[in-house]
Amino acid sequence: MLLNALSLPPYVWLLLLERQMASEGVRSSMPVCGCKGIRTCLTCERITGKIGLTANEITKESQEFTYNPLSELAIRCVTGVQESFPFPGVFLCENFVTEEEEKELVSKMDEDIWRESQSGRRKQDFGPKVNFKKRRVRVGGFCGLPSISQKLVAQMNQLPQLNGFHPVEQCNLDYNPQRGSSIDPHLDDSWLWGERLVTINLLSDTILTMSLDGGCGQLDQEEVKVHLSRRSLVVLYGEARHRWKHAIHRKDIHSRRVCSTFRELSAEFLEGGEQAEMGSQLLNIASSFHGVPL
């Protein structure tokens, strides 16, 4: 059977090719790819010859600024003239973990299974089973955050910006330039997840790109580059959490990068909220720190 891959998403092409090979008694040795829909990675691009939107990251003209954590301004210089504007909602903590702690964290993660995800990422999930479209959440196989994170969460609570931070979900992501890893611009859910998104950046430096599409028919967009150093912690809240999309572009992954993102509950799942009972259950499970990746 001849497959016409040109009109198919890469993951469909790969699935059909694997089925064809199986029907012919040929054992597949193709690299595993977790891409779906329009998303691609270098693995499926090499096989199909197609380049997806994650590779073509510049789709419209952008005005690029750089975030300065000391002034909390987004700054750029155009023809010798400096332009800036306030950029609230980002908190950076350099060297949140030591080199030894980083080594231990990544070693513990690598003892567990990394599952293939989209756009060349691998992941480990510790959290409840959620259907965001239907707004349904259940415990599922969630048995807590991993034991290695108990010290991290306690350390987070020592920061004034993270006072009372009680995460109920942890997502570990593994980026590698050989897979063309990236994550598209997106806003995290705010129905289940609360005000603060906390990420620990491990093994390499990278850039977190914040973007805001132009309004009122404007074709360009504003981008703010937030430089994340190795072993740093970043918190997104306020406008940076709810208004500006965030992404990690393929061109900003130069060596293996591992990160852990922690999410707290929204007011709806806390005391006085409509789903406080479910929230209480999730908090109790999370704080056991007996979790295994789902």
C-alpha atoms as a PDB file:
ATOM      1  CA  MET A   1       0.000   0.000   0.000  1.00  0.00           C
ATOM      2  CA  LEU A   2       1.388   3.384  -0.978  1.00  0.00           C
ATOM      3  CA  LEU A   3       0.857   6.054   1.639  1.00  0.00           C
ATOM      4  CA  ASN A   4       0.303   9.620   0.595  1.00  0.00           C
ATOM      5  CA  ALA A   5       1.670  11.466   3.613  1.00  0.00           C
ATOM      6  CA  LEU A   6       1.536  14.953   2.196  1.00  0.00           C
ATOM      7  CA  SER A   7      -2.031  15.636   3.315  1.00  0.00           C
ATOM      8  CA  LEU A   8      -1.822  13.877   6.692  1.00  0.00           C
ATOM      9  CA  PRO A   9      -0.662  15.080  10.104  1.00  0.00           C
ATOM     10  CA  PRO A  10       2.727  13.499  10.944  1.00  0.00           C
ATOM     11  CA  TYR A  11       1.388  11.327  13.792  1.00  0.00           C
ATOM     12  CA  VAL A  12      -1.293   9.846  11.470  1.00  0.00           C
ATOM     13  CA  TRP A  13       1.336   9.187   8.825  1.00  0.00           C
ATOM     14  CA  LEU A  14       3.499   7.362  11.369  1.00  0.00           C
ATOM     15  CA  LEU A  15       0.567   5.295  12.633  1.00  0.00           C
ATOM     16  CA  LEU A  16      -0.410   4.195   9.119  1.00  0.00           C
ATOM     17  CA  LEU A  17       3.185   3.393   8.239  1.00  0.00           C
ATOM     18  CA  GLU A  18       3.591   1.256  11.362  1.00  0.00           C
ATOM     19  CA  ARG A  19       0.362  -0.612  10.526  1.00  0.00           C
ATOM     20  CA  GLN A  20       1.556  -1.196   6.976  1.00  0.00           C
ATOM     21  CA  MET A  21       4.883  -2.550   8.208  1.00  0.00           C
ATOM     22  CA  ALA A  22       3.127  -4.801  10.737  1.00  0.00           C
ATOM     23  CA  SER A  23       0.842  -6.209   8.037  1.00  0.00           C
ATOM     24  CA  GLU A  24       3.902  -7.059   5.980  1.00  0.00           C
ATOM     25  CA  GLY A  25       5.628  -8.716   8.919  1.00  0.00           C
ATOM     26  CA  VAL A  26       8.231  -5.999   9.248  1.00  0.00           C
ATOM     27  CA  ARG A  27       9.248  -5.023  12.754  1.00  0.00           C
ATOM     28  CA  SER A  28       9.268  -1.248  13.233  1.00  0.00           C
ATOM     29  CA  SER A  29      12.490   0.343  14.457  1.00  0.00           C
ATOM     30  CA  MET A  30      11.272   3.931  14.060  1.00  0.00           C
ATOM     31  CA  PRO A  31      11.874   6.348  16.933  1.00  0.00           C
ATOM     32  CA  VAL A  32       8.862   6.914  19.155  1.00  0.00           C
ATOM     33  CA  CYS A  33       7.051  10.214  18.634  1.00  0.00           C
ATOM     34  CA  GLY A  34       4.272  11.706  20.780  1.00  0.00           C
ATOM     35  CA  CYS A  35       3.168  14.464  18.390  1.00  0.00           C
ATOM     36  CA  LYS A  36      -0.491  14.975  17.498  1.00  0.00           C
ATOM     37  CA  GLY A  37      -2.396  17.332  15.211  1.00  0.00           C
ATOM     38  CA  ILE A  38      -0.301  20.189  13.839  1.00  0.00           C
ATOM     39  CA  ARG A  39       2.520  19.748  16.364  1.00  0.00           C
ATOM     40  CA  THR A  40       5.759  18.151  15.230  1.00  0.00           C
ATOM     41  CA  CYS A  41       9.252  17.317  16.440  1.00  0.00           C
ATOM     42  CA  LEU A  42      12.476  16.445  14.635  1.00  0.00           C
ATOM     43  CA  THR A  43      11.635  12.732  14.870  1.00  0.00           C
ATOM     44  CA  CYS A  44       8.442  12.912  12.807  1.00  0.00           C
ATOM     45  CA  GLU A  45       9.792  15.689  10.579  1.00  0.00           C
ATOM     46  CA  ARG A  46      12.733  13.505   9.539  1.00  0.00           C
ATOM     47  CA  ILE A  47      10.399  10.636   8.646  1.00  0.00           C
ATOM     48  CA  THR A  48       7.621  12.559   6.911  1.00  0.00           C
ATOM     49  CA  GLY A  49       9.613  15.435   5.480  1.00  0.00           C
ATOM     50  CA  LYS A  50       7.015  17.821   6.849  1.00  0.00           C
ATOM     51  CA  ILE A  51       7.761  20.837   9.026  1.00  0.00           C
ATOM     52  CA  GLY A  52       5.070  21.835  11.514  1.00  0.00           C
ATOM     53  CA  LEU A  53       4.224  25.080  13.246  1.00  0.00           C
ATOM     54  CA  THR A  54       6.572  24.367  16.135  1.00  0.00           C
ATOM     55  CA  ALA A  55       9.507  24.552  13.732  1.00  0.00           C
ATOM     56  CA  ASN A  56       8.206  27.664  11.972  1.00  0.00           C
ATOM     57  CA  GLU A  57       7.987  29.711  15.131  1.00  0.00           C
ATOM     58  CA  ILE A  58       7.948  33.153  13.545  1.00  0.00           C
ATOM     59  CA  THR A  59       4.533  33.431  11.911  1.00  0.00           C
ATOM     60  CA  LYS A  60       4.086  37.167  12.285  1.00  0.00           C
ATOM     61  CA  GLU A  61       6.203  40.217  12.917  1.00  0.00           C
ATOM     62  CA  SER A  62       7.036  40.597  16.574  1.00  0.00           C
ATOM     63  CA  GLN A  63       8.367  43.348  18.792  1.00  0.00           C
ATOM     64  CA  GLU A  64      10.947  41.663  21.025  1.00  0.00           C
ATOM     65  CA  PHE A  65      11.706  42.925  24.516  1.00  0.00           C
ATOM     66  CA  THR A  66      13.870  41.460  27.272  1.00  0.00           C
ATOM     67  CA  TYR A  67      12.701  41.204  30.856  1.00  0.00           C
ATOM     68  CA  ASN A  68      14.877  42.903  33.478  1.00  0.00           C
ATOM     69  CA  PRO A  69      14.140  41.296  36.880  1.00  0.00           C
ATOM     70  CA  LEU A  70      15.727  44.172  38.822  1.00  0.00           C
ATOM     71  CA  SER A  71      13.558  46.909  37.312  1.00  0.00           C
ATOM     72  CA  GLU A  72      10.652  44.565  36.431  1.00  0.00           C
ATOM     73  CA  LEU A  73      10.593  46.239  33.020  1.00  0.00           C
ATOM     74  CA  ALA A  74      10.448  44.788  29.514  1.00  0.00           C
ATOM     75  CA  ILE A  75      13.198  46.604  27.601  1.00  0.00           C
ATOM     76  CA  ARG A  76      14.431  46.879  24.034  1.00  0.00           C
ATOM     77  CA  CYS A  77      16.743  49.240  22.163  1.00  0.00           C
ATOM     78  CA  VAL A  78      15.727  50.448  18.682  1.00  0.00           C
ATOM     79  CA  THR A  79      18.208  52.571  16.694  1.00  0.00           C
ATOM     80  CA  GLY A  80      19.867  53.640  19.908  1.00  0.00           C
ATOM     81  CA  VAL A  81      16.646  54.582  21.661  1.00  0.00           C
ATOM     82  CA  GLN A  82      15.561  52.513  24.676  1.00  0.00           C
ATOM     83  CA  GLU A  83      11.923  51.557  24.967  1.00  0.00           C
ATOM     84  CA  SER A  84      10.395  49.903  28.007  1.00  0.00           C
ATOM     85  CA  PHE A  85       7.167  49.141  29.792  1.00  0.00           C
ATOM     86  CA  PRO A  86       6.259  47.596  33.165  1.00  0.00           C
ATOM     87  CA  PHE A  87       6.037  43.807  33.057  1.00  0.00           C
ATOM     88  CA  PRO A  88       4.482  42.604  36.313  1.00  0.00           C
ATOM     89  CA  GLY A  89       3.790  39.009  37.263  1.00  0.00           C
ATOM     90  CA  VAL A  90       7.251  37.414  37.001  1.00  0.00           C
ATOM     91  CA  PHE A  91       9.412  36.440  39.963  1.00  0.00           C
ATOM     92  CA  LEU A  92      12.867  34.909  39.454  1.00  0.00           C
ATOM     93  CA  CYS A  93      15.005  33.202  42.094  1.00  0.00           C
ATOM     94  CA  GLU A  94      18.522  32.342  40.931  1.00  0.00           C
ATOM     95  CA  ASN A  95      20.224  29.193  42.261  1.00  0.00           C
ATOM     96  CA  PHE A  96      17.081  27.948  43.958  1.00  0.00           C
ATOM     97  CA  VAL A  97      18.737  24.527  44.168  1.00  0.00           C
ATOM     98  CA  THR A  98      22.411  23.652  44.492  1.00  0.00           C
ATOM     99  CA  GLU A  99      24.440  21.626  41.983  1.00  0.00           C
ATOM    100  CA  GLU A 100      24.213  18.571  44.251  1.00  0.00           C
ATOM    101  CA  GLU A 101      20.443  18.984  44.652  1.00  0.00           C
ATOM    102  CA  GLU A 102      20.059  19.338  40.892  1.00  0.00           C
ATOM    103  CA  LYS A 103      22.023  16.154  40.322  1.00  0.00           C
ATOM    104  CA  GLU A 104      19.889  14.263  42.843  1.00  0.00           C
ATOM    105  CA  LEU A 105      16.616  15.590  41.416  1.00  0.00           C
ATOM    106  CA  VAL A 106      17.404  14.619  37.825  1.00  0.00           C
ATOM    107  CA  SER A 107      18.807  11.246  38.909  1.00  0.00           C
ATOM    108  CA  LYS A 108      15.573  10.443  40.769  1.00  0.00           C
ATOM    109  CA  MET A 109      13.477  11.521  37.776  1.00  0.00           C
ATOM    110  CA  ASP A 110      15.512   9.326  35.441  1.00  0.00           C
ATOM    111  CA  GLU A 111      14.789   6.319  37.651  1.00  0.00           C
ATOM    112  CA  ASP A 112      11.117   6.667  36.662  1.00  0.00           C
ATOM    113  CA  ILE A 113       9.589   6.256  33.216  1.00  0.00           C
ATOM    114  CA  TRP A 114       9.605   9.237  30.880  1.00  0.00           C
ATOM    115  CA  ARG A 115       6.587   9.147  28.574  1.00  0.00           C
ATOM    116  CA  GLU A 116       6.688  10.601  25.071  1.00  0.00           C
ATOM    117  CA  SER A 117       4.791  13.864  24.761  1.00  0.00           C
ATOM    118  CA  GLN A 118       4.127  16.373  21.997  1.00  0.00           C
ATOM    119  CA  SER A 119       6.654  18.573  20.199  1.00  0.00           C
ATOM    120  CA  GLY A 120       9.627  16.404  21.146  1.00  0.00           C
ATOM    121  CA  ARG A 121       9.121  16.559  24.898  1.00  0.00           C
ATOM    122  CA  ARG A 122       9.044  13.704  27.393  1.00  0.00           C
ATOM    123  CA  LYS A 123       7.001  14.003  30.568  1.00  0.00           C
ATOM    124  CA  GLN A 124       6.169  12.660  33.998  1.00  0.00           C
ATOM    125  CA  ASP A 125       2.811  13.634  35.512  1.00  0.00           C
ATOM    126  CA  PHE A 126       1.893  13.652  39.192  1.00  0.00           C
ATOM    127  CA  GLY A 127      -1.655  14.902  39.620  1.00  0.00           C
ATOM    128  CA  PRO A 128      -5.379  14.220  39.283  1.00  0.00           C
ATOM    129  CA  LYS A 129      -7.123  13.078  36.121  1.00  0.00           C
ATOM    130  CA  VAL A 130      -8.634  16.164  34.465  1.00  0.00           C
ATOM    131  CA  ASN A 131     -10.915  16.871  31.517  1.00  0.00           C
ATOM    132  CA  PHE A 132     -10.558  20.625  31.094  1.00  0.00           C
ATOM    133  CA  LYS A 133     -13.115  20.915  28.281  1.00  0.00           C
ATOM    134  CA  LYS A 134     -15.850  19.292  30.357  1.00  0.00           C
ATOM    135  CA  ARG A 135     -14.489  20.692  33.625  1.00  0.00           C
ATOM    136  CA  ARG A 136     -14.292  17.347  35.329  1.00  0.00           C
ATOM    137  CA  VAL A 137     -11.647  16.202  37.765  1.00  0.00           C
ATOM    138  CA  ARG A 138     -11.160  12.914  39.596  1.00  0.00           C
ATOM    139  CA  VAL A 139      -8.410  11.404  41.679  1.00  0.00           C
ATOM    140  CA  GLY A 140      -7.670   8.563  39.251  1.00  0.00           C
ATOM    141  CA  GLY A 141      -4.300   6.996  40.043  1.00  0.00           C
ATOM    142  CA  PHE A 142      -2.964  10.104  41.789  1.00  0.00           C
ATOM    143  CA  CYS A 143      -1.148   9.107  44.979  1.00  0.00           C
ATOM    144  CA  GLY A 144       0.769  12.273  45.756  1.00  0.00           C
ATOM    145  CA  LEU A 145       3.674  14.407  44.636  1.00  0.00           C
ATOM    146  CA  PRO A 146       7.005  12.548  44.461  1.00  0.00           C
ATOM    147  CA  SER A 147       8.973  12.188  47.687  1.00  0.00           C
ATOM    148  CA  ILE A 148      11.904  14.134  46.242  1.00  0.00           C
ATOM    149  CA  SER A 149       9.660  17.231  46.040  1.00  0.00           C
ATOM    150  CA  GLN A 150       8.813  17.460  49.741  1.00  0.00           C
ATOM    151  CA  LYS A 151      11.955  19.447  50.490  1.00  0.00           C
ATOM    152  CA  LEU A 152      11.428  21.623  47.412  1.00  0.00           C
ATOM    153  CA  VAL A 153       7.894  22.613  48.429  1.00  0.00           C
ATOM    154  CA  ALA A 154       9.063  23.436  51.955  1.00  0.00           C
ATOM    155  CA  GLN A 155      11.813  25.577  50.471  1.00  0.00           C
ATOM    156  CA  MET A 156       9.314  27.353  48.205  1.00  0.00           C
ATOM    157  CA  ASN A 157       7.206  28.291  51.211  1.00  0.00           C
ATOM    158  CA  GLN A 158      10.170  30.168  52.655  1.00  0.00           C
ATOM    159  CA  LEU A 159       9.878  32.705  49.834  1.00  0.00           C
ATOM    160  CA  PRO A 160       7.435  35.577  50.507  1.00  0.00           C
ATOM    161  CA  GLN A 161       6.100  35.250  46.952  1.00  0.00           C
ATOM    162  CA  LEU A 162       5.172  31.612  47.631  1.00  0.00           C
ATOM    163  CA  ASN A 163       3.779  31.889  51.116  1.00  0.00           C
ATOM    164  CA  GLY A 164       0.969  29.350  51.471  1.00  0.00           C
ATOM    165  CA  PHE A 165       1.800  27.645  48.185  1.00  0.00           C
ATOM    166  CA  HIS A 166       0.408  24.084  48.307  1.00  0.00           C
ATOM    167  CA  PRO A 167       0.766  22.370  44.911  1.00  0.00           C
ATOM    168  CA  VAL A 168      -1.478  19.463  43.947  1.00  0.00           C
ATOM    169  CA  GLU A 169       0.125  18.817  40.561  1.00  0.00           C
ATOM    170  CA  GLN A 170       3.683  18.431  39.353  1.00  0.00           C
ATOM    171  CA  CYS A 171       4.670  17.999  35.725  1.00  0.00           C
ATOM    172  CA  ASN A 172       8.263  17.122  34.853  1.00  0.00           C
ATOM    173  CA  LEU A 173       9.309  17.831  31.265  1.00  0.00           C
ATOM    174  CA  ASP A 174      12.440  16.702  29.445  1.00  0.00           C
ATOM    175  CA  TYR A 175      13.638  18.814  26.501  1.00  0.00           C
ATOM    176  CA  ASN A 176      16.394  17.740  24.111  1.00  0.00           C
ATOM    177  CA  PRO A 177      17.696  19.496  20.964  1.00  0.00           C
ATOM    178  CA  GLN A 178      18.097  16.136  19.217  1.00  0.00           C
ATOM    179  CA  ARG A 179      14.315  15.721  19.366  1.00  0.00           C
ATOM    180  CA  GLY A 180      13.607  19.362  18.510  1.00  0.00           C
ATOM    181  CA  SER A 181      11.808  19.836  21.824  1.00  0.00           C
ATOM    182  CA  SER A 182       9.614  22.885  22.383  1.00  0.00           C
ATOM    183  CA  ILE A 183       6.279  23.947  23.806  1.00  0.00           C
ATOM    184  CA  ASP A 184       3.869  26.199  21.924  1.00  0.00           C
ATOM    185  CA  PRO A 185       2.628  29.553  23.285  1.00  0.00           C
ATOM    186  CA  HIS A 186      -0.240  28.826  25.670  1.00  0.00           C
ATOM    187  CA  LEU A 187      -2.131  29.931  28.747  1.00  0.00           C
ATOM    188  CA  ASP A 188      -2.482  27.457  31.610  1.00  0.00           C
ATOM    189  CA  ASP A 189      -5.979  26.598  32.780  1.00  0.00           C
ATOM    190  CA  SER A 190      -7.428  28.837  35.489  1.00  0.00           C
ATOM    191  CA  TRP A 191     -10.549  26.816  36.363  1.00  0.00           C
ATOM    192  CA  LEU A 192      -8.637  24.174  38.350  1.00  0.00           C
ATOM    193  CA  TRP A 193      -5.190  25.714  38.687  1.00  0.00           C
ATOM    194  CA  GLY A 194      -4.667  28.731  40.900  1.00  0.00           C
ATOM    195  CA  GLU A 195      -2.864  32.035  40.728  1.00  0.00           C
ATOM    196  CA  ARG A 196       0.785  30.942  40.813  1.00  0.00           C
ATOM    197  CA  LEU A 197       2.639  28.717  38.357  1.00  0.00           C
ATOM    198  CA  VAL A 198       6.038  27.668  39.678  1.00  0.00           C
ATOM    199  CA  THR A 199       8.788  26.136  37.533  1.00  0.00           C
ATOM    200  CA  ILE A 200      12.266  24.942  38.470  1.00  0.00           C
ATOM    201  CA  ASN A 201      14.689  25.001  35.535  1.00  0.00           C
ATOM    202  CA  LEU A 202      17.402  22.312  35.560  1.00  0.00           C
ATOM    203  CA  LEU A 203      20.499  21.247  33.570  1.00  0.00           C
ATOM    204  CA  SER A 204      20.706  24.209  31.160  1.00  0.00           C
ATOM    205  CA  ASP A 205      19.816  27.839  30.595  1.00  0.00           C
ATOM    206  CA  THR A 206      16.904  28.689  28.335  1.00  0.00           C
ATOM    207  CA  ILE A 207      14.495  31.484  27.418  1.00  0.00           C
ATOM    208  CA  LEU A 208      10.850  31.650  28.405  1.00  0.00           C
ATOM    209  CA  THR A 209       9.094  33.617  25.665  1.00  0.00           C
ATOM    210  CA  MET A 210       6.036  35.574  26.763  1.00  0.00           C
ATOM    211  CA  SER A 211       3.789  36.741  23.921  1.00  0.00           C
ATOM    212  CA  LEU A 212       0.781  38.979  23.543  1.00  0.00           C
ATOM    213  CA  ASP A 213      -1.025  39.093  20.214  1.00  0.00           C
ATOM    214  CA  GLY A 214      -1.719  42.516  18.769  1.00  0.00           C
ATOM    215  CA  GLY A 215      -5.281  43.716  19.244  1.00  0.00           C
ATOM    216  CA  CYS A 216      -7.654  45.807  17.172  1.00  0.00           C
ATOM    217  CA  GLY A 217      -6.591  44.209  13.908  1.00  0.00           C
ATOM    218  CA  GLN A 218      -2.841  44.628  14.487  1.00  0.00           C
ATOM    219  CA  LEU A 219      -0.754  42.004  12.723  1.00  0.00           C
ATOM    220  CA  ASP A 220       2.271  42.101  14.992  1.00  0.00           C
ATOM    221  CA  GLN A 221       2.696  40.814  18.519  1.00  0.00           C
ATOM    222  CA  GLU A 222       4.771  41.737  21.518  1.00  0.00           C
ATOM    223  CA  GLU A 223       7.257  39.253  22.900  1.00  0.00           C
ATOM    224  CA  VAL A 224       9.139  39.456  26.174  1.00  0.00           C
ATOM    225  CA  LYS A 225      12.152  37.185  26.626  1.00  0.00           C
ATOM    226  CA  VAL A 226      12.603  35.972  30.199  1.00  0.00           C
ATOM    227  CA  HIS A 227      16.058  34.429  30.651  1.00  0.00           C
ATOM    228  CA  LEU A 228      15.975  31.337  32.861  1.00  0.00           C
ATOM    229  CA  SER A 229      19.329  30.286  34.237  1.00  0.00           C
ATOM    230  CA  ARG A 230      20.189  26.753  35.235  1.00  0.00           C
ATOM    231  CA  ARG A 231      18.854  25.817  38.699  1.00  0.00           C
ATOM    232  CA  SER A 232      16.619  28.902  38.864  1.00  0.00           C
ATOM    233  CA  LEU A 233      12.973  29.107  39.915  1.00  0.00           C
ATOM    234  CA  VAL A 234      10.383  31.234  38.102  1.00  0.00           C
ATOM    235  CA  VAL A 235       6.887  32.157  39.262  1.00  0.00           C
ATOM    236  CA  LEU A 236       4.199  33.464  36.887  1.00  0.00           C
ATOM    237  CA  TYR A 237       1.218  35.269  38.386  1.00  0.00           C
ATOM    238  CA  GLY A 238      -1.145  38.137  37.600  1.00  0.00           C
ATOM    239  CA  GLU A 239      -0.990  39.403  34.004  1.00  0.00           C
ATOM    240  CA  ALA A 240       1.981  37.217  33.121  1.00  0.00           C
ATOM    241  CA  ARG A 241      -0.056  34.198  34.243  1.00  0.00           C
ATOM    242  CA  HIS A 242      -3.472  35.053  32.790  1.00  0.00           C
ATOM    243  CA  ARG A 243      -2.907  37.437  29.870  1.00  0.00           C
ATOM    244  CA  TRP A 244       0.489  36.667  28.352  1.00  0.00           C
ATOM    245  CA  LYS A 245       1.058  33.282  26.731  1.00  0.00           C
ATOM    246  CA  HIS A 246       4.309  31.505  27.538  1.00  0.00           C
ATOM    247  CA  ALA A 247       6.434  29.191  25.394  1.00  0.00           C
ATOM    248  CA  ILE A 248       9.832  27.526  25.065  1.00  0.00           C
ATOM    249  CA  HIS A 249      11.013  27.696  21.458  1.00  0.00           C
ATOM    250  CA  ARG A 250      13.057  24.992  19.790  1.00  0.00           C
ATOM    251  CA  LYS A 251      15.887  27.418  19.009  1.00  0.00           C
ATOM    252  CA  ASP A 252      16.293  28.101  22.754  1.00  0.00           C
ATOM    253  CA  ILE A 253      17.058  24.469  23.656  1.00  0.00           C
ATOM    254  CA  HIS A 254      20.796  23.907  23.189  1.00  0.00           C
ATOM    255  CA  SER A 255      21.341  20.913  25.477  1.00  0.00           C
ATOM    256  CA  ARG A 256      19.197  18.681  27.673  1.00  0.00           C
ATOM    257  CA  ARG A 257      16.811  20.688  29.846  1.00  0.00           C
ATOM    258  CA  VAL A 258      14.592  19.271  32.578  1.00  0.00           C
ATOM    259  CA  CYS A 259      11.988  21.328  34.380  1.00  0.00           C
ATOM    260  CA  SER A 260       9.383  20.734  37.065  1.00  0.00           C
ATOM    261  CA  THR A 261       6.209  22.833  37.077  1.00  0.00           C
ATOM    262  CA  PHE A 262       4.048  22.957  40.202  1.00  0.00           C
ATOM    263  CA  ARG A 263       0.399  24.089  40.234  1.00  0.00           C
ATOM    264  CA  GLU A 264      -1.856  25.056  43.119  1.00  0.00           C
ATOM    265  CA  LEU A 265      -5.662  24.955  43.298  1.00  0.00           C
ATOM    266  CA  SER A 266      -8.000  27.761  42.259  1.00  0.00           C
ATOM    267  CA  ALA A 267     -10.453  29.365  44.706  1.00  0.00           C
ATOM    268  CA  GLU A 268     -13.231  27.076  43.453  1.00  0.00           C
ATOM    269  CA  PHE A 269     -11.424  24.106  45.019  1.00  0.00           C
ATOM    270  CA  LEU A 270     -10.450  25.780  48.281  1.00  0.00           C
ATOM    271  CA  GLU A 271     -12.431  26.349  51.470  1.00  0.00           C
ATOM    272  CA  GLY A 272     -15.701  28.111  50.630  1.00  0.00           C
ATOM    273  CA  GLY A 273     -15.549  27.116  46.964  1.00  0.00           C
ATOM    274  CA  GLU A 274     -18.066  24.940  45.130  1.00  0.00           C
ATOM    275  CA  GLN A 275     -15.632  22.030  44.903  1.00  0.00           C
ATOM    276  CA  ALA A 276     -13.871  22.468  48.235  1.00  0.00           C
ATOM    277  CA  GLU A 277     -14.407  18.801  49.134  1.00  0.00           C
ATOM    278  CA  MET A 278     -12.563  17.609  46.050  1.00  0.00           C
ATOM    279  CA  GLY A 279      -9.876  20.210  46.668  1.00  0.00           C
ATOM    280  CA  SER A 280      -9.369  19.012  50.230  1.00  0.00           C
ATOM    281  CA  GLN A 281      -8.999  15.442  49.007  1.00  0.00           C
ATOM    282  CA  LEU A 282      -6.426  16.457  46.397  1.00  0.00           C
ATOM    283  CA  LEU A 283      -4.439  18.495  48.929  1.00  0.00           C
ATOM    284  CA  ASN A 284      -4.302  15.559  51.348  1.00  0.00           C
ATOM    285  CA  ILE A 285      -3.136  13.174  48.636  1.00  0.00           C
ATOM    286  CA  ALA A 286      -0.557  15.587  47.238  1.00  0.00           C
ATOM    287  CA  SER A 287       0.977  16.272  50.643  1.00  0.00           C
ATOM    288  CA  SER A 288       1.602  12.565  51.259  1.00  0.00           C
ATOM    289  CA  PHE A 289       4.571  12.775  48.839  1.00  0.00           C
ATOM    290  CA  HIS A 290       4.168   9.125  47.920  1.00  0.00           C
ATOM    291  CA  GLY A 291       3.589   9.792  44.235  1.00  0.00           C
ATOM    292  CA  VAL A 292       4.618   7.844  41.180  1.00  0.00           C
ATOM    293  CA  PRO A 293       4.305   9.203  37.612  1.00  0.00           C
ATOM    294  CA  LEU A 294       0.998   8.464  35.906  1.00  0.00           C
END
